Amino acid sequence: MKILSVAIPCYNSADYMEKCIKSLLVGGEDVEIIIVDDGSVKDNTAQIADDYAAKYPTIIKAVHQENGGHGEAVNTGLKNATGRFFKVVDSDDWVDAKSYRKVLETLKKLDERAQSGEEELDMLVCNYVYDKVGATHKKVIRYTNVFPQDRMFTWDEIGHFKLDQYILMHSVIYRTQMLKDCRLELPKHTFYVDNIFVFEPLPSVKNMYYLNTNFYRYFIGREDQSVNEQIMIKRIDQQIRVTKRMVDYFKFDITDNEKCKNYMIKYLRIMMEVSSIMLIISKDKELLEKKEELWQYVKDKDIKLYKKLRYSVLGWTVNLPGRLGRQISSTGYRVMNKIIGFN
């Protein structure tokens, strides 16, 4: 059995997908690379996938499907995964070779221990790098203040997450069978489902491991990228849809572990803030009404959760009243974006 399955969702990705694939081939026979061609028609994505599968038949699978969006491509990758652990790498991103080898060595070591009767690893976390076009300083998201290093640990041992620190698809590797046992299935034709991918399995995570290595390179700079600010506003209904699904999923009895529960609430705060700030900076009256509708949705769904989200620092900053309040919210967002560079 391969130690790691990596799914690469590809949609008209011919211009950049080979850099991603080549970075993953460094893992050799320890890795199963699943290239999911999500109904690409505008370029030769499908041919590139088939060519690599033919060249590396023991490492690469090429899977073709009708267009279903990023989430459906991840679903397909998971269905085809046979490795012990599962990772998603977007086709315009790549991984660092040195860190990659370290990740594989760690996964193999922990898997060997599990096979001999020790506890299984559910989630591995590594650093990721905002590889932003034109930026001389590449922002690295580390978790040294949050997680113990180089050993297995549980939720009870985690520290405090800063505002720019939360677990993303870029930073996480999950145990494959755990994801399948969760019956994780992402919605079709919806952007921003990577948040669901990370969020919903969290109550099933018991044992974690953190490697302080800059593994994932998160490319930011394409005009058509989903995190481009104007595109996020254009697709705000999908962001809201994802946020509502995460709100619907959360229950206060979803886990007995308070730190896991508190982290999930923190994640929901960030999702509400992102949705709200995009609606605010749009300066569109109809979209501003959608912000009020979103907060009312949470209030109607779970008043206790609403209070946790609304009466927090993030909840307060995106609900300042009037035009001046919206200006203050927008300025705060611009400052944070300049510091972090998340889009």
Protein backbone atom coordinates (compact mmCIF):
# COMPACT_ATOMS: atom_id res chain seq x y z
CA MET A 1 0.00 0.00 0.00
CA LYS A 2 1.21 3.51 -0.84
CA ILE A 3 1.80 5.75 2.15
CA LEU A 4 0.25 8.84 0.54
CA SER A 5 -2.39 9.52 -2.11
CA VAL A 6 -2.34 13.01 -3.60
CA ALA A 7 -5.29 14.30 -5.62
CA ILE A 8 -4.66 17.09 -8.13
CA PRO A 9 -7.97 18.65 -9.29
CA CYS A 10 -7.38 20.01 -12.82
CA TYR A 11 -9.66 22.19 -14.90
CA ASN A 12 -8.06 23.74 -17.99
CA SER A 13 -4.78 23.64 -16.09
CA ALA A 14 -2.38 22.89 -18.97
CA ASP A 15 -0.35 26.08 -18.45
CA TYR A 16 0.80 25.17 -14.94
CA MET A 17 -0.19 21.62 -13.89
CA GLU A 18 3.12 20.04 -14.91
CA LYS A 19 5.04 22.03 -12.30
CA CYS A 20 2.68 20.62 -9.67
CA ILE A 21 2.96 17.05 -10.96
CA LYS A 22 6.76 17.15 -11.20
CA SER A 23 7.05 18.43 -7.63
CA LEU A 24 5.02 15.44 -6.43
CA LEU A 25 6.95 12.88 -8.45
CA VAL A 26 9.84 13.43 -6.02
CA GLY A 27 7.95 11.08 -3.69
CA GLY A 28 8.56 8.15 -6.01
CA GLU A 29 6.84 4.83 -5.36
CA ASP A 30 5.74 5.88 -1.86
CA VAL A 31 3.11 8.11 -3.46
CA GLU A 32 -0.01 7.66 -5.54
CA ILE A 33 -0.75 10.76 -7.65
CA ILE A 34 -4.35 11.03 -8.85
CA ILE A 35 -4.77 13.64 -11.59
CA VAL A 36 -8.48 14.43 -11.83
CA ASP A 37 -9.38 16.06 -15.14
CA ASP A 38 -12.61 17.88 -14.28
CA GLY A 39 -14.08 18.05 -17.77
CA SER A 40 -11.39 20.31 -19.26
CA VAL A 41 -12.27 21.35 -22.81
CA LYS A 42 -10.30 24.54 -23.52
CA ASP A 43 -6.80 23.05 -23.49
CA ASN A 44 -4.92 19.74 -23.41
CA THR A 45 -5.22 19.09 -19.67
CA ALA A 46 -6.67 15.63 -20.35
CA GLN A 47 -3.81 14.70 -22.68
CA ILE A 48 -1.17 15.87 -20.22
CA ALA A 49 -2.79 13.74 -17.50
CA ASP A 50 -2.85 10.68 -19.78
CA ASP A 51 0.76 11.21 -20.87
CA TYR A 52 2.00 11.31 -17.28
CA ALA A 53 -0.08 8.27 -16.33
CA ALA A 54 1.43 6.36 -19.26
CA LYS A 55 4.96 7.44 -18.35
CA TYR A 56 4.58 6.66 -14.62
CA PRO A 57 1.98 3.83 -14.52
CA THR A 58 2.88 2.68 -10.99
CA ILE A 59 2.64 6.20 -9.55
CA ILE A 60 0.10 8.24 -11.51
CA LYS A 61 -3.59 7.67 -12.22
CA ALA A 62 -5.44 9.86 -14.69
CA VAL A 63 -9.16 10.10 -13.97
CA HIS A 64 -11.53 11.94 -16.30
CA GLN A 65 -14.99 13.15 -15.34
CA GLU A 66 -17.69 15.53 -16.49
CA ASN A 67 -17.21 18.99 -15.05
CA GLY A 68 -18.34 18.97 -11.44
CA GLY A 69 -16.17 21.68 -9.92
CA HIS A 70 -13.29 21.58 -7.45
CA GLY A 71 -15.27 19.76 -4.78
CA GLU A 72 -16.35 16.95 -7.07
CA ALA A 73 -12.74 16.57 -8.25
CA VAL A 74 -11.66 16.16 -4.62
CA ASN A 75 -14.49 13.63 -4.10
CA THR A 76 -13.23 11.67 -7.11
CA GLY A 77 -9.67 11.81 -5.85
CA LEU A 78 -10.74 10.42 -2.47
CA LYS A 79 -12.83 7.65 -4.06
CA ASN A 80 -9.78 6.55 -6.08
CA ALA A 81 -7.30 6.90 -3.21
CA THR A 82 -5.66 3.71 -1.95
CA GLY A 83 -2.86 5.27 0.12
CA ARG A 84 -2.84 5.35 3.91
CA PHE A 85 -3.02 9.16 3.93
CA PHE A 86 -4.67 11.68 1.63
CA LYS A 87 -3.59 15.12 0.44
CA VAL A 88 -5.04 17.62 -2.04
CA VAL A 89 -2.68 19.82 -4.04
CA ASP A 90 -4.27 22.33 -6.39
CA SER A 91 -2.92 22.27 -9.93
CA ASP A 92 -1.40 25.76 -9.74
CA ASP A 93 0.41 25.02 -6.46
CA TRP A 94 3.37 22.76 -5.72
CA VAL A 95 5.34 21.24 -2.84
CA ASP A 96 8.89 21.75 -1.62
CA ALA A 97 11.07 18.69 -2.35
CA LYS A 98 13.04 18.69 0.92
CA SER A 99 9.93 19.14 3.05
CA TYR A 100 8.10 16.53 0.98
CA ARG A 101 10.69 13.88 1.78
CA LYS A 102 10.47 14.77 5.45
CA VAL A 103 6.68 14.44 5.34
CA LEU A 104 6.87 11.00 3.72
CA GLU A 105 9.49 9.76 6.19
CA THR A 106 7.30 10.91 9.08
CA LEU A 107 4.14 9.32 7.68
CA LYS A 108 5.94 6.01 7.14
CA LYS A 109 7.38 6.06 10.65
CA LEU A 110 4.01 6.76 12.25
CA ASP A 111 2.25 4.21 10.07
CA GLU A 112 4.76 1.52 11.06
CA ARG A 113 4.05 2.29 14.71
CA ALA A 114 0.31 2.05 14.09
CA GLN A 115 0.76 -1.32 12.41
CA SER A 116 2.58 -2.55 15.52
CA GLY A 117 -0.32 -1.58 17.77
CA GLU A 118 0.27 2.07 18.65
CA GLU A 119 -2.36 4.77 18.07
CA GLU A 120 -3.06 5.86 14.50
CA LEU A 121 -2.32 9.30 13.16
CA ASP A 122 -5.43 11.13 11.96
CA MET A 123 -4.02 14.48 10.85
CA LEU A 124 -0.56 15.76 9.92
CA VAL A 125 -0.06 19.53 9.79
CA CYS A 126 2.78 21.36 8.03
CA ASN A 127 3.54 24.99 7.23
CA TYR A 128 2.45 26.58 3.98
CA VAL A 129 3.83 29.55 2.05
CA TYR A 130 1.85 32.33 0.36
CA ASP A 131 3.79 32.38 -2.91
CA LYS A 132 2.37 35.68 -4.11
CA VAL A 133 3.41 37.07 -7.49
CA GLY A 134 5.63 40.13 -7.10
CA ALA A 135 6.07 39.76 -3.35
CA THR A 136 9.71 39.91 -2.24
CA HIS A 137 8.79 38.48 1.17
CA LYS A 138 6.85 35.22 1.05
CA LYS A 139 4.53 34.93 4.04
CA VAL A 140 4.90 31.60 5.85
CA ILE A 141 2.13 30.30 8.09
CA ARG A 142 3.68 28.32 10.92
CA TYR A 143 2.08 26.70 13.97
CA THR A 144 5.01 26.62 16.40
CA ASN A 145 2.99 28.51 19.02
CA VAL A 146 -0.02 26.22 18.59
CA PHE A 147 1.21 22.63 18.33
CA PRO A 148 3.87 20.48 19.98
CA GLN A 149 6.55 19.55 17.45
CA ASP A 150 7.77 16.19 16.18
CA ARG A 151 5.49 14.00 18.29
CA MET A 152 1.91 12.78 18.39
CA PHE A 153 -0.50 14.92 20.40
CA THR A 154 -4.22 15.48 20.97
CA TRP A 155 -6.54 18.49 21.00
CA ASP A 156 -5.95 18.91 24.73
CA GLU A 157 -2.36 19.96 24.05
CA ILE A 158 -2.95 22.67 21.45
CA GLY A 159 -2.21 26.34 22.11
CA HIS A 160 -3.82 29.55 20.91
CA PHE A 161 -4.31 30.23 17.20
CA LYS A 162 -3.48 33.74 16.02
CA LEU A 163 -5.77 35.56 13.58
CA ASP A 164 -3.75 34.51 10.52
CA GLN A 165 -3.39 30.91 11.71
CA TYR A 166 -5.96 28.33 10.95
CA ILE A 167 -5.81 24.89 9.43
CA LEU A 168 -6.29 25.01 5.67
CA MET A 169 -6.34 22.36 2.96
CA HIS A 170 -2.79 23.53 2.20
CA SER A 171 -1.49 22.61 5.63
CA VAL A 172 -3.33 19.37 6.34
CA ILE A 173 -2.92 15.70 5.45
CA TYR A 174 -5.68 13.39 6.69
CA ARG A 175 -5.78 9.62 7.18
CA THR A 176 -7.65 8.30 4.15
CA GLN A 177 -9.88 5.82 5.94
CA MET A 178 -10.91 8.46 8.48
CA LEU A 179 -12.14 10.70 5.64
CA LYS A 180 -14.05 7.80 4.10
CA ASP A 181 -15.54 6.86 7.47
CA CYS A 182 -16.71 10.49 7.83
CA ARG A 183 -18.54 10.07 4.52
CA LEU A 184 -17.10 13.38 3.49
CA GLU A 185 -18.63 14.56 0.22
CA LEU A 186 -18.11 18.06 -1.08
CA PRO A 187 -20.82 19.87 -3.07
CA LYS A 188 -20.59 20.08 -6.85
CA HIS A 189 -20.08 23.29 -8.83
CA THR A 190 -19.16 25.26 -5.74
CA PHE A 191 -15.98 27.16 -4.98
CA TYR A 192 -14.40 27.50 -1.49
CA VAL A 193 -15.30 23.92 -0.52
CA ASP A 194 -11.75 23.43 0.76
CA ASN A 195 -13.09 24.92 3.99
CA ILE A 196 -15.62 22.08 4.27
CA PHE A 197 -12.88 19.55 3.50
CA VAL A 198 -10.89 20.72 6.52
CA PHE A 199 -13.79 21.53 8.85
CA GLU A 200 -16.12 18.54 8.80
CA PRO A 201 -13.56 15.82 9.68
CA LEU A 202 -12.24 17.71 12.73
CA PRO A 203 -14.45 15.97 15.34
CA SER A 204 -13.08 12.62 14.09
CA VAL A 205 -9.48 13.74 14.58
CA LYS A 206 -8.01 12.29 17.77
CA ASN A 207 -4.26 12.15 17.12
CA MET A 208 -2.24 14.87 15.38
CA TYR A 209 1.36 15.53 14.43
CA TYR A 210 3.01 18.82 13.46
CA LEU A 211 6.07 19.17 11.25
CA ASN A 212 7.63 22.63 11.29
CA THR A 213 8.58 22.53 7.62
CA ASN A 214 7.48 24.75 4.72
CA PHE A 215 5.85 22.02 2.67
CA TYR A 216 3.07 23.56 0.57
CA ARG A 217 3.58 26.46 -1.84
CA TYR A 218 0.29 28.30 -2.28
CA PHE A 219 0.43 30.32 -5.50
CA ILE A 220 -1.44 33.64 -5.54
CA GLY A 221 -1.46 35.85 -8.60
CA ARG A 222 -3.65 34.57 -11.43
CA GLU A 223 -6.40 36.98 -12.40
CA ASP A 224 -8.95 34.14 -12.61
CA GLN A 225 -8.00 32.68 -9.24
CA SER A 226 -10.87 31.97 -6.85
CA VAL A 227 -9.28 34.08 -4.07
CA ASN A 228 -9.00 37.14 -6.32
CA GLU A 229 -11.02 39.79 -4.51
CA GLN A 230 -13.32 40.73 -7.38
CA ILE A 231 -13.95 37.08 -8.22
CA MET A 232 -14.77 36.39 -4.57
CA ILE A 233 -17.38 39.14 -4.70
CA LYS A 234 -18.73 37.78 -7.99
CA ARG A 235 -18.99 34.31 -6.43
CA ILE A 236 -20.18 35.48 -3.03
CA ASP A 237 -23.30 33.30 -3.20
CA GLN A 238 -21.02 30.24 -3.25
CA GLN A 239 -19.02 31.55 -0.29
CA ILE A 240 -22.28 32.05 1.58
CA ARG A 241 -23.48 28.56 0.60
CA VAL A 242 -20.31 27.01 2.02
CA THR A 243 -20.55 29.10 5.19
CA LYS A 244 -24.16 28.04 5.75
CA ARG A 245 -23.30 24.37 5.27
CA MET A 246 -20.57 24.68 7.91
CA VAL A 247 -22.99 26.43 10.27
CA ASP A 248 -25.55 23.67 9.68
CA TYR A 249 -22.93 20.99 10.34
CA PHE A 250 -21.80 22.40 13.67
CA LYS A 251 -23.54 21.31 16.86
CA PHE A 252 -22.39 22.01 20.41
CA ASP A 253 -22.48 18.28 21.10
CA ILE A 254 -20.52 17.43 17.95
CA THR A 255 -17.52 16.56 20.12
CA ASP A 256 -16.80 16.20 23.82
CA ASN A 257 -13.45 17.93 23.38
CA GLU A 258 -13.76 21.62 24.25
CA LYS A 259 -10.60 22.68 22.40
CA CYS A 260 -11.75 21.03 19.21
CA LYS A 261 -15.16 22.64 19.62
CA ASN A 262 -13.65 26.06 20.29
CA TYR A 263 -11.43 25.78 17.23
CA MET A 264 -14.45 24.94 15.07
CA ILE A 265 -16.22 28.02 16.41
CA LYS A 266 -13.13 30.11 15.60
CA TYR A 267 -13.19 28.71 12.07
CA LEU A 268 -16.85 29.69 11.72
CA ARG A 269 -16.01 33.21 12.91
CA ILE A 270 -13.45 33.52 10.14
CA MET A 271 -15.92 32.22 7.55
CA MET A 272 -18.55 34.71 8.68
CA GLU A 273 -16.00 37.51 8.62
CA VAL A 274 -14.78 36.66 5.11
CA SER A 275 -18.33 36.49 3.76
CA SER A 276 -19.31 39.70 5.53
CA ILE A 277 -16.26 41.72 4.48
CA MET A 278 -16.65 40.75 0.81
CA LEU A 279 -20.28 41.89 0.96
CA ILE A 280 -19.22 45.15 2.62
CA ILE A 281 -16.44 46.08 0.18
CA SER A 282 -18.73 45.34 -2.78
CA LYS A 283 -20.62 48.56 -1.86
CA ASP A 284 -23.66 46.96 -3.44
CA LYS A 285 -26.95 47.56 -1.61
CA GLU A 286 -28.35 44.12 -2.49
CA LEU A 287 -25.17 42.40 -1.32
CA LEU A 288 -25.19 44.37 1.93
CA GLU A 289 -28.68 43.00 2.52
CA LYS A 290 -27.25 39.50 2.04
CA LYS A 291 -24.86 40.18 4.92
CA GLU A 292 -27.79 40.87 7.22
CA GLU A 293 -29.55 37.77 5.89
CA LEU A 294 -26.51 35.60 6.61
CA TRP A 295 -26.25 36.74 10.21
CA GLN A 296 -30.01 36.28 10.63
CA TYR A 297 -29.65 32.75 9.24
CA VAL A 298 -27.18 31.86 11.99
CA LYS A 299 -29.36 33.50 14.62
CA ASP A 300 -32.40 31.51 13.53
CA LYS A 301 -30.38 28.29 13.31
CA ASP A 302 -28.66 28.40 16.71
CA ILE A 303 -28.90 31.41 18.99
CA LYS A 304 -26.06 30.17 21.18
CA LEU A 305 -23.73 29.84 18.19
CA TYR A 306 -24.90 33.23 16.91
CA LYS A 307 -23.84 34.89 20.16
CA LYS A 308 -20.45 33.15 20.00
CA LEU A 309 -19.90 34.48 16.48
CA ARG A 310 -21.57 37.88 16.65
CA TYR A 311 -20.19 39.05 19.99
CA SER A 312 -16.56 38.33 19.18
CA VAL A 313 -13.91 40.72 17.90
CA LEU A 314 -14.41 39.54 14.32
CA GLY A 315 -18.18 39.62 14.63
CA TRP A 316 -18.05 43.13 16.00
CA THR A 317 -15.71 44.50 13.31
CA VAL A 318 -17.92 43.42 10.39
CA ASN A 319 -21.13 44.64 11.99
CA LEU A 320 -20.26 48.26 12.77
CA PRO A 321 -23.32 50.36 11.93
CA GLY A 322 -23.70 52.82 9.07
CA ARG A 323 -21.44 53.97 6.25
CA LEU A 324 -18.66 54.96 8.64
CA GLY A 325 -18.78 51.51 10.22
CA ARG A 326 -18.44 49.88 6.83
CA GLN A 327 -15.49 52.13 6.01
CA ILE A 328 -13.76 51.12 9.24
CA SER A 329 -14.41 47.43 8.44
CA SER A 330 -13.03 47.85 4.92
CA THR A 331 -9.92 49.65 6.15
CA GLY A 332 -9.25 46.93 8.71
CA TYR A 333 -9.54 44.30 6.00
CA ARG A 334 -7.13 46.20 3.72
CA VAL A 335 -4.57 46.47 6.49
CA MET A 336 -4.79 42.75 7.32
CA ASN A 337 -4.54 41.81 3.65
CA LYS A 338 -1.41 43.93 3.29
CA ILE A 339 0.15 42.20 6.30
CA ILE A 340 -0.87 38.64 5.41
CA GLY A 341 -1.35 38.87 1.64
CA PHE A 342 -4.09 36.25 1.48
CA ASN A 343 -5.42 37.38 -1.93
